[in-house]
């Protein structure tokens, strides 16, 4: 383990969220923190469909699912004062575009074209007790996401 990971564990292990939240719980969280509206994946624009395709391919490869197994839930964040911090995110992939979030419910994959929101959702999701207790790769990734998210929040 490198020094950076040791430092992240020392800094954040006590505040890691466990147990891991389900996609349904994360959808509820999203509705609580942002003004959103559910959209059909068929109505997504080309760039948003590209985001969905990336999530879709990763889900198939890593989780061994077929196309018939996947269950999508897509949301669009309204461009208003309540969602301002996300629309002002400096790492928005497509500045000026609508922010979308896509959940795949069977595999737990999440994607968005707003990195700040995606990091926030990753942090809110937490990790499983197994990952926490055994300090797995998922646990280490979570610490990196948490560090990135908290650093970004300090800059807003």
N, C-alpha and C. Protein backbone atom coordinates (compact mmCIF):
# COMPACT_ATOMS: atom_id res chain seq x y z
N UNK A 1 0.83 -1.17 0.00
CA UNK A 1 0.00 0.00 0.00
C UNK A 1 0.89 1.24 0.00
N UNK A 2 0.53 2.20 -0.86
CA UNK A 2 1.36 3.40 -0.93
C UNK A 2 0.97 4.40 0.17
N UNK A 3 1.81 5.40 0.34
CA UNK A 3 1.60 6.39 1.40
C UNK A 3 0.30 7.16 1.22
N UNK A 4 -0.05 7.43 -0.03
CA UNK A 4 -1.29 8.19 -0.29
C UNK A 4 -2.51 7.41 0.20
N UNK A 5 -2.57 6.11 -0.08
CA UNK A 5 -3.70 5.30 0.38
C UNK A 5 -3.71 5.21 1.90
N UNK A 6 -2.57 5.08 2.51
CA UNK A 6 -2.51 5.04 3.98
C UNK A 6 -3.08 6.33 4.57
N UNK A 7 -2.72 7.43 3.94
CA UNK A 7 -3.21 8.73 4.41
C UNK A 7 -4.72 8.85 4.23
N UNK A 8 -5.24 8.39 3.09
CA UNK A 8 -6.69 8.44 2.86
C UNK A 8 -7.44 7.57 3.86
N UNK A 9 -6.90 6.39 4.16
CA UNK A 9 -7.54 5.51 5.14
C UNK A 9 -7.56 6.16 6.52
N UNK A 10 -6.46 6.76 6.90
CA UNK A 10 -6.38 7.42 8.20
C UNK A 10 -7.39 8.58 8.26
N UNK A 11 -7.50 9.30 7.17
CA UNK A 11 -8.33 10.49 7.12
C UNK A 11 -9.83 10.18 7.06
N UNK A 12 -10.22 9.14 6.30
CA UNK A 12 -11.64 8.94 5.98
C UNK A 12 -12.28 7.64 6.47
N UNK A 13 -11.52 6.66 6.91
CA UNK A 13 -12.13 5.36 7.22
C UNK A 13 -13.27 5.48 8.22
N UNK A 14 -13.14 6.32 9.19
CA UNK A 14 -14.17 6.47 10.23
C UNK A 14 -15.49 7.03 9.70
N UNK A 15 -15.46 7.68 8.53
CA UNK A 15 -16.70 8.28 8.00
C UNK A 15 -17.21 7.59 6.73
N UNK A 16 -16.62 6.45 6.39
CA UNK A 16 -17.09 5.70 5.22
C UNK A 16 -18.51 5.22 5.48
N UNK A 17 -19.37 5.39 4.48
CA UNK A 17 -20.76 4.95 4.61
C UNK A 17 -20.87 3.47 4.31
N UNK A 18 -21.47 2.76 5.26
CA UNK A 18 -21.74 1.34 5.10
C UNK A 18 -23.01 1.04 5.89
N UNK A 19 -23.87 0.17 5.41
CA UNK A 19 -23.74 -0.67 4.23
C UNK A 19 -24.02 0.10 2.95
N UNK A 20 -23.67 -0.50 1.85
CA UNK A 20 -23.85 0.10 0.53
C UNK A 20 -25.34 0.29 0.23
N UNK A 21 -25.68 1.47 -0.28
CA UNK A 21 -27.07 1.77 -0.64
C UNK A 21 -27.44 1.12 -1.98
N UNK A 22 -28.70 0.82 -2.13
CA UNK A 22 -29.23 0.24 -3.37
C UNK A 22 -29.46 1.35 -4.39
N UNK A 23 -29.61 0.99 -5.67
CA UNK A 23 -29.96 2.00 -6.67
C UNK A 23 -31.25 2.75 -6.33
N UNK A 24 -32.24 2.06 -5.77
CA UNK A 24 -33.48 2.74 -5.39
C UNK A 24 -33.24 3.78 -4.30
N UNK A 25 -32.39 3.45 -3.34
CA UNK A 25 -32.06 4.41 -2.28
C UNK A 25 -31.31 5.62 -2.85
N UNK A 26 -30.44 5.37 -3.84
CA UNK A 26 -29.72 6.48 -4.47
C UNK A 26 -30.65 7.36 -5.30
N UNK A 27 -31.63 6.75 -5.95
CA UNK A 27 -32.63 7.54 -6.67
C UNK A 27 -33.37 8.46 -5.71
N UNK A 28 -33.76 7.93 -4.56
CA UNK A 28 -34.44 8.75 -3.55
C UNK A 28 -33.55 9.88 -3.09
N UNK A 29 -32.27 9.58 -2.88
CA UNK A 29 -31.31 10.61 -2.48
C UNK A 29 -31.24 11.71 -3.54
N UNK A 30 -31.12 11.32 -4.80
CA UNK A 30 -31.05 12.29 -5.89
C UNK A 30 -32.28 13.20 -5.89
N UNK A 31 -33.44 12.63 -5.70
CA UNK A 31 -34.68 13.42 -5.68
C UNK A 31 -34.71 14.37 -4.48
N UNK A 32 -34.00 14.00 -3.42
CA UNK A 32 -33.95 14.84 -2.22
C UNK A 32 -32.99 16.02 -2.39
N UNK A 33 -31.88 15.82 -3.09
CA UNK A 33 -30.85 16.87 -3.18
C UNK A 33 -30.99 17.76 -4.41
N UNK A 34 -31.77 17.33 -5.39
CA UNK A 34 -31.85 18.09 -6.65
C UNK A 34 -33.27 18.06 -7.20
N UNK A 35 -33.56 19.06 -7.96
CA UNK A 35 -34.85 19.11 -8.67
C UNK A 35 -34.64 18.35 -9.98
N UNK A 36 -35.30 17.19 -10.09
CA UNK A 36 -35.11 16.32 -11.25
C UNK A 36 -36.44 15.93 -11.86
N UNK A 37 -36.35 15.44 -13.08
CA UNK A 37 -37.52 14.82 -13.70
C UNK A 37 -37.05 13.56 -14.40
N UNK A 38 -37.86 12.52 -14.27
CA UNK A 38 -37.52 11.24 -14.89
C UNK A 38 -37.73 11.36 -16.39
N UNK A 39 -36.82 10.77 -17.14
CA UNK A 39 -36.92 10.79 -18.60
C UNK A 39 -36.78 9.37 -19.14
N UNK A 40 -37.36 9.15 -20.30
CA UNK A 40 -37.21 7.86 -20.97
C UNK A 40 -35.86 7.83 -21.65
N UNK A 41 -35.20 6.69 -21.61
CA UNK A 41 -33.88 6.62 -22.24
C UNK A 41 -33.97 6.86 -23.75
N UNK A 42 -35.12 6.60 -24.33
CA UNK A 42 -35.29 6.83 -25.77
C UNK A 42 -35.27 8.32 -26.12
N UNK A 43 -35.56 9.19 -25.15
CA UNK A 43 -35.60 10.63 -25.43
C UNK A 43 -34.26 11.32 -25.17
N UNK A 44 -33.25 10.58 -24.72
CA UNK A 44 -31.95 11.18 -24.47
C UNK A 44 -31.30 11.63 -25.76
N UNK A 45 -30.57 12.74 -25.70
CA UNK A 45 -29.84 13.21 -26.88
C UNK A 45 -28.64 12.29 -27.15
N UNK A 46 -27.95 12.53 -28.24
CA UNK A 46 -26.87 11.64 -28.68
C UNK A 46 -25.75 11.54 -27.64
N UNK A 47 -25.34 12.67 -27.05
CA UNK A 47 -24.26 12.61 -26.07
C UNK A 47 -24.69 11.83 -24.82
N UNK A 48 -25.92 12.03 -24.41
CA UNK A 48 -26.43 11.30 -23.25
C UNK A 48 -26.55 9.81 -23.54
N UNK A 49 -26.93 9.47 -24.76
CA UNK A 49 -27.00 8.07 -25.14
C UNK A 49 -25.61 7.45 -25.11
N UNK A 50 -24.59 8.23 -25.44
CA UNK A 50 -23.22 7.73 -25.36
C UNK A 50 -22.84 7.39 -23.93
N UNK A 51 -23.26 8.23 -22.99
CA UNK A 51 -23.02 7.95 -21.57
C UNK A 51 -23.72 6.65 -21.19
N UNK A 52 -24.96 6.49 -21.62
CA UNK A 52 -25.71 5.27 -21.32
C UNK A 52 -25.03 4.05 -21.92
N UNK A 53 -24.53 4.18 -23.13
CA UNK A 53 -23.86 3.05 -23.79
C UNK A 53 -22.63 2.63 -23.01
N UNK A 54 -21.88 3.60 -22.51
CA UNK A 54 -20.69 3.27 -21.71
C UNK A 54 -21.10 2.48 -20.48
N UNK A 55 -22.11 2.95 -19.78
CA UNK A 55 -22.59 2.25 -18.60
C UNK A 55 -23.11 0.87 -18.97
N UNK A 56 -23.82 0.81 -20.06
CA UNK A 56 -24.40 -0.44 -20.53
C UNK A 56 -23.31 -1.47 -20.84
N UNK A 57 -22.30 -1.07 -21.57
CA UNK A 57 -21.21 -1.99 -21.92
C UNK A 57 -20.48 -2.45 -20.67
N UNK A 58 -20.18 -1.52 -19.77
CA UNK A 58 -19.51 -1.90 -18.52
C UNK A 58 -20.36 -2.86 -17.71
N UNK A 59 -21.65 -2.62 -17.66
CA UNK A 59 -22.54 -3.51 -16.92
C UNK A 59 -22.52 -4.91 -17.51
N UNK A 60 -22.57 -4.99 -18.82
CA UNK A 60 -22.58 -6.30 -19.48
C UNK A 60 -21.28 -7.05 -19.24
N UNK A 61 -20.17 -6.34 -19.42
CA UNK A 61 -18.86 -6.99 -19.30
C UNK A 61 -18.57 -7.40 -17.86
N UNK A 62 -18.75 -6.46 -16.93
CA UNK A 62 -18.34 -6.72 -15.55
C UNK A 62 -19.36 -7.53 -14.76
N UNK A 63 -20.61 -7.45 -15.10
CA UNK A 63 -21.63 -8.13 -14.31
C UNK A 63 -22.20 -9.36 -15.02
N UNK A 64 -21.80 -9.60 -16.25
CA UNK A 64 -22.27 -10.78 -16.97
C UNK A 64 -23.75 -10.75 -17.30
N UNK A 65 -24.28 -9.56 -17.55
CA UNK A 65 -25.71 -9.43 -17.86
C UNK A 65 -25.95 -9.46 -19.36
N UNK A 66 -27.17 -9.81 -19.73
CA UNK A 66 -27.58 -9.68 -21.12
C UNK A 66 -28.39 -8.39 -21.25
N UNK A 67 -28.65 -7.98 -22.47
CA UNK A 67 -29.39 -6.74 -22.69
C UNK A 67 -30.78 -6.80 -22.08
N UNK A 68 -31.36 -7.97 -22.01
CA UNK A 68 -32.71 -8.11 -21.45
C UNK A 68 -32.73 -7.97 -19.93
N UNK A 69 -31.57 -8.10 -19.29
CA UNK A 69 -31.50 -8.05 -17.84
C UNK A 69 -31.47 -6.64 -17.27
N UNK A 70 -31.08 -5.67 -18.06
CA UNK A 70 -30.82 -4.33 -17.54
C UNK A 70 -32.09 -3.52 -17.34
N UNK A 71 -32.11 -2.74 -16.26
CA UNK A 71 -33.26 -1.91 -15.92
C UNK A 71 -32.77 -0.49 -15.64
N UNK A 72 -33.05 0.44 -16.58
CA UNK A 72 -32.55 1.80 -16.52
C UNK A 72 -33.52 2.74 -15.83
N UNK A 73 -32.99 3.74 -15.17
CA UNK A 73 -33.76 4.88 -14.67
C UNK A 73 -32.92 6.11 -14.98
N UNK A 74 -33.44 6.99 -15.82
CA UNK A 74 -32.71 8.19 -16.24
C UNK A 74 -33.41 9.43 -15.71
N UNK A 75 -32.60 10.40 -15.28
CA UNK A 75 -33.13 11.66 -14.76
C UNK A 75 -32.40 12.83 -15.37
N UNK A 76 -33.14 13.92 -15.49
CA UNK A 76 -32.60 15.19 -15.98
C UNK A 76 -32.71 16.20 -14.85
N UNK A 77 -31.62 16.90 -14.56
CA UNK A 77 -31.66 17.95 -13.54
C UNK A 77 -32.12 19.24 -14.18
N UNK A 78 -33.11 19.86 -13.58
CA UNK A 78 -33.57 21.15 -14.07
C UNK A 78 -32.44 22.16 -13.88
N UNK A 79 -32.34 23.08 -14.83
CA UNK A 79 -31.32 24.12 -14.73
C UNK A 79 -31.92 25.29 -13.96
N UNK A 80 -31.81 25.21 -12.62
CA UNK A 80 -32.39 26.23 -11.76
C UNK A 80 -31.45 26.51 -10.60
N UNK A 81 -31.86 27.40 -9.73
CA UNK A 81 -31.01 27.80 -8.60
C UNK A 81 -30.69 26.62 -7.67
N UNK A 82 -31.66 25.74 -7.46
CA UNK A 82 -31.47 24.59 -6.58
C UNK A 82 -30.34 23.68 -7.08
N UNK A 83 -30.18 23.58 -8.40
CA UNK A 83 -29.17 22.70 -9.00
C UNK A 83 -27.94 23.47 -9.48
N UNK A 84 -27.83 24.73 -9.09
CA UNK A 84 -26.77 25.61 -9.58
C UNK A 84 -25.36 25.05 -9.37
N UNK A 85 -25.12 24.45 -8.19
CA UNK A 85 -23.76 23.96 -7.92
C UNK A 85 -23.35 22.89 -8.93
N UNK A 86 -24.29 22.12 -9.43
CA UNK A 86 -23.97 21.08 -10.41
C UNK A 86 -23.76 21.70 -11.79
N UNK A 87 -24.60 22.66 -12.14
CA UNK A 87 -24.45 23.31 -13.46
C UNK A 87 -23.21 24.20 -13.51
N UNK A 88 -22.73 24.64 -12.38
CA UNK A 88 -21.52 25.46 -12.34
C UNK A 88 -20.26 24.63 -12.16
N UNK A 89 -20.39 23.33 -12.11
CA UNK A 89 -19.24 22.45 -11.92
C UNK A 89 -18.24 22.65 -13.06
N UNK A 90 -17.00 22.90 -12.69
CA UNK A 90 -15.99 23.18 -13.71
C UNK A 90 -15.64 21.96 -14.56
N UNK A 91 -15.94 20.78 -14.10
CA UNK A 91 -15.62 19.58 -14.88
C UNK A 91 -16.84 19.00 -15.58
N UNK A 92 -17.89 19.82 -15.76
CA UNK A 92 -19.03 19.35 -16.54
C UNK A 92 -18.50 18.92 -17.90
N UNK A 93 -18.84 17.72 -18.33
CA UNK A 93 -18.32 17.21 -19.60
C UNK A 93 -18.80 18.05 -20.79
N UNK A 94 -20.03 18.51 -20.72
CA UNK A 94 -20.60 19.26 -21.84
C UNK A 94 -21.21 20.56 -21.32
N UNK A 95 -20.37 21.58 -21.06
CA UNK A 95 -20.91 22.84 -20.53
C UNK A 95 -22.06 23.35 -21.38
N UNK A 96 -23.10 23.80 -20.73
CA UNK A 96 -24.27 24.30 -21.44
C UNK A 96 -25.30 23.23 -21.74
N UNK A 97 -24.96 21.99 -21.53
CA UNK A 97 -25.89 20.89 -21.78
C UNK A 97 -26.69 20.59 -20.52
N UNK A 98 -27.75 19.84 -20.68
CA UNK A 98 -28.56 19.40 -19.56
C UNK A 98 -27.83 18.28 -18.82
N UNK A 99 -27.88 18.33 -17.51
CA UNK A 99 -27.26 17.28 -16.71
C UNK A 99 -28.21 16.10 -16.63
N UNK A 100 -27.66 14.93 -16.89
CA UNK A 100 -28.43 13.71 -16.74
C UNK A 100 -27.73 12.77 -15.78
N UNK A 101 -28.51 11.91 -15.18
CA UNK A 101 -28.01 10.84 -14.32
C UNK A 101 -28.74 9.58 -14.75
N UNK A 102 -27.98 8.51 -14.91
CA UNK A 102 -28.58 7.23 -15.30
C UNK A 102 -28.18 6.18 -14.28
N UNK A 103 -29.18 5.50 -13.75
CA UNK A 103 -28.97 4.38 -12.83
C UNK A 103 -29.32 3.10 -13.56
N UNK A 104 -28.50 2.07 -13.40
CA UNK A 104 -28.87 0.74 -13.87
C UNK A 104 -29.13 -0.06 -12.61
N UNK A 105 -30.37 -0.46 -12.44
CA UNK A 105 -30.80 -1.00 -11.15
C UNK A 105 -30.30 -2.40 -10.83
N UNK A 106 -30.09 -3.22 -11.81
CA UNK A 106 -29.69 -4.60 -11.52
C UNK A 106 -28.21 -4.71 -11.19
N UNK A 107 -27.38 -3.91 -11.85
CA UNK A 107 -25.93 -3.98 -11.61
C UNK A 107 -25.44 -2.92 -10.64
N UNK A 108 -26.25 -1.87 -10.43
CA UNK A 108 -25.83 -0.79 -9.54
C UNK A 108 -25.00 0.28 -10.20
N UNK A 109 -24.79 0.18 -11.52
CA UNK A 109 -23.99 1.19 -12.21
C UNK A 109 -24.71 2.53 -12.20
N UNK A 110 -23.92 3.59 -12.07
CA UNK A 110 -24.42 4.97 -12.12
C UNK A 110 -23.52 5.73 -13.07
N UNK A 111 -24.12 6.63 -13.84
CA UNK A 111 -23.30 7.51 -14.66
C UNK A 111 -23.99 8.86 -14.77
N UNK A 112 -23.21 9.88 -15.07
CA UNK A 112 -23.73 11.23 -15.24
C UNK A 112 -22.72 12.03 -16.06
N UNK A 113 -23.19 13.08 -16.68
CA UNK A 113 -22.28 13.97 -17.39
C UNK A 113 -21.80 15.11 -16.49
N UNK A 114 -22.12 15.05 -15.19
CA UNK A 114 -21.63 16.01 -14.20
C UNK A 114 -20.79 15.25 -13.19
N UNK A 115 -19.49 15.48 -13.20
CA UNK A 115 -18.58 14.74 -12.34
C UNK A 115 -18.81 15.03 -10.85
N UNK A 116 -19.16 16.26 -10.51
CA UNK A 116 -19.43 16.58 -9.11
C UNK A 116 -20.60 15.75 -8.59
N UNK A 117 -21.67 15.70 -9.34
CA UNK A 117 -22.84 14.93 -8.93
C UNK A 117 -22.52 13.44 -8.89
N UNK A 118 -21.78 12.96 -9.85
CA UNK A 118 -21.42 11.55 -9.88
C UNK A 118 -20.58 11.18 -8.65
N UNK A 119 -19.61 12.01 -8.30
CA UNK A 119 -18.82 11.76 -7.10
C UNK A 119 -19.70 11.77 -5.85
N UNK A 120 -20.62 12.72 -5.80
CA UNK A 120 -21.52 12.78 -4.64
C UNK A 120 -22.36 11.51 -4.52
N UNK A 121 -22.84 11.01 -5.64
CA UNK A 121 -23.62 9.77 -5.62
C UNK A 121 -22.76 8.57 -5.23
N UNK A 122 -21.53 8.53 -5.72
CA UNK A 122 -20.61 7.44 -5.33
C UNK A 122 -20.37 7.46 -3.82
N UNK A 123 -20.15 8.65 -3.27
CA UNK A 123 -19.90 8.77 -1.84
C UNK A 123 -21.15 8.38 -1.06
N UNK A 124 -22.29 8.85 -1.50
CA UNK A 124 -23.54 8.52 -0.81
C UNK A 124 -23.84 7.02 -0.87
N UNK A 125 -23.48 6.37 -1.96
CA UNK A 125 -23.73 4.93 -2.09
C UNK A 125 -23.00 4.14 -1.02
N UNK A 126 -21.78 4.54 -0.69
CA UNK A 126 -21.02 3.83 0.33
C UNK A 126 -20.44 2.53 -0.21
N UNK A 127 -20.02 1.66 0.72
CA UNK A 127 -19.44 0.37 0.36
C UNK A 127 -20.07 -0.72 1.22
N UNK A 128 -19.94 -1.94 0.77
CA UNK A 128 -20.47 -3.06 1.54
C UNK A 128 -19.63 -3.27 2.80
N UNK A 129 -20.21 -3.93 3.76
CA UNK A 129 -19.48 -4.24 5.00
C UNK A 129 -18.26 -5.10 4.68
N UNK A 130 -18.42 -6.04 3.72
CA UNK A 130 -17.29 -6.88 3.32
C UNK A 130 -16.14 -6.02 2.80
N UNK A 131 -16.46 -5.09 1.88
CA UNK A 131 -15.43 -4.21 1.32
C UNK A 131 -14.77 -3.37 2.41
N UNK A 132 -15.57 -2.88 3.34
CA UNK A 132 -15.05 -2.07 4.43
C UNK A 132 -14.12 -2.90 5.34
N UNK A 133 -14.63 -4.04 5.77
CA UNK A 133 -13.86 -4.88 6.70
C UNK A 133 -12.56 -5.40 6.10
N UNK A 134 -12.57 -5.68 4.79
CA UNK A 134 -11.41 -6.27 4.13
C UNK A 134 -10.58 -5.26 3.33
N UNK A 135 -10.99 -4.00 3.38
CA UNK A 135 -10.30 -2.93 2.66
C UNK A 135 -9.96 -3.34 1.23
N UNK A 136 -11.01 -3.73 0.52
CA UNK A 136 -10.86 -4.21 -0.86
C UNK A 136 -10.58 -3.06 -1.82
N UNK A 137 -10.42 -3.40 -3.08
CA UNK A 137 -10.24 -2.39 -4.13
C UNK A 137 -11.42 -1.44 -4.18
N UNK A 138 -12.65 -1.95 -3.98
CA UNK A 138 -13.83 -1.08 -3.96
C UNK A 138 -13.73 -0.07 -2.82
N UNK A 139 -13.25 -0.52 -1.68
CA UNK A 139 -13.07 0.36 -0.54
C UNK A 139 -12.04 1.45 -0.87
N UNK A 140 -10.93 1.06 -1.47
CA UNK A 140 -9.90 2.03 -1.84
C UNK A 140 -10.42 3.04 -2.86
N UNK A 141 -11.17 2.57 -3.84
CA UNK A 141 -11.78 3.49 -4.82
C UNK A 141 -12.71 4.47 -4.13
N UNK A 142 -13.49 3.95 -3.18
CA UNK A 142 -14.41 4.80 -2.43
C UNK A 142 -13.65 5.93 -1.73
N UNK A 143 -12.52 5.60 -1.11
CA UNK A 143 -11.72 6.64 -0.42
C UNK A 143 -11.24 7.70 -1.40
N UNK A 144 -10.87 7.28 -2.59
CA UNK A 144 -10.42 8.22 -3.62
C UNK A 144 -11.58 9.11 -4.06
N UNK A 145 -12.77 8.49 -4.27
CA UNK A 145 -13.96 9.28 -4.63
C UNK A 145 -14.30 10.28 -3.53
N UNK A 146 -14.26 9.82 -2.28
CA UNK A 146 -14.58 10.70 -1.16
C UNK A 146 -13.61 11.87 -1.10
N UNK A 147 -12.33 11.60 -1.24
CA UNK A 147 -11.33 12.65 -1.22
C UNK A 147 -11.57 13.64 -2.35
N UNK A 148 -11.82 13.13 -3.55
CA UNK A 148 -12.09 14.00 -4.69
C UNK A 148 -13.33 14.85 -4.48
N UNK A 149 -14.38 14.23 -3.97
CA UNK A 149 -15.62 14.95 -3.73
C UNK A 149 -15.43 16.05 -2.68
N UNK A 150 -14.83 15.70 -1.57
CA UNK A 150 -14.65 16.69 -0.50
C UNK A 150 -13.74 17.84 -0.94
N UNK A 151 -12.71 17.54 -1.71
CA UNK A 151 -11.84 18.61 -2.24
C UNK A 151 -12.61 19.52 -3.18
N UNK A 152 -13.45 18.93 -4.03
CA UNK A 152 -14.25 19.74 -4.96
C UNK A 152 -15.24 20.61 -4.21
N UNK A 153 -15.84 20.08 -3.13
CA UNK A 153 -16.81 20.85 -2.36
C UNK A 153 -16.15 22.05 -1.69
N UNK A 154 -14.90 21.88 -1.26
CA UNK A 154 -14.18 23.00 -0.64
C UNK A 154 -13.91 24.11 -1.64
N UNK A 155 -13.85 23.77 -2.93
CA UNK A 155 -13.56 24.77 -3.96
C UNK A 155 -14.82 25.47 -4.47
N UNK A 156 -15.99 25.00 -4.07
CA UNK A 156 -17.23 25.64 -4.53
C UNK A 156 -17.69 26.72 -3.59
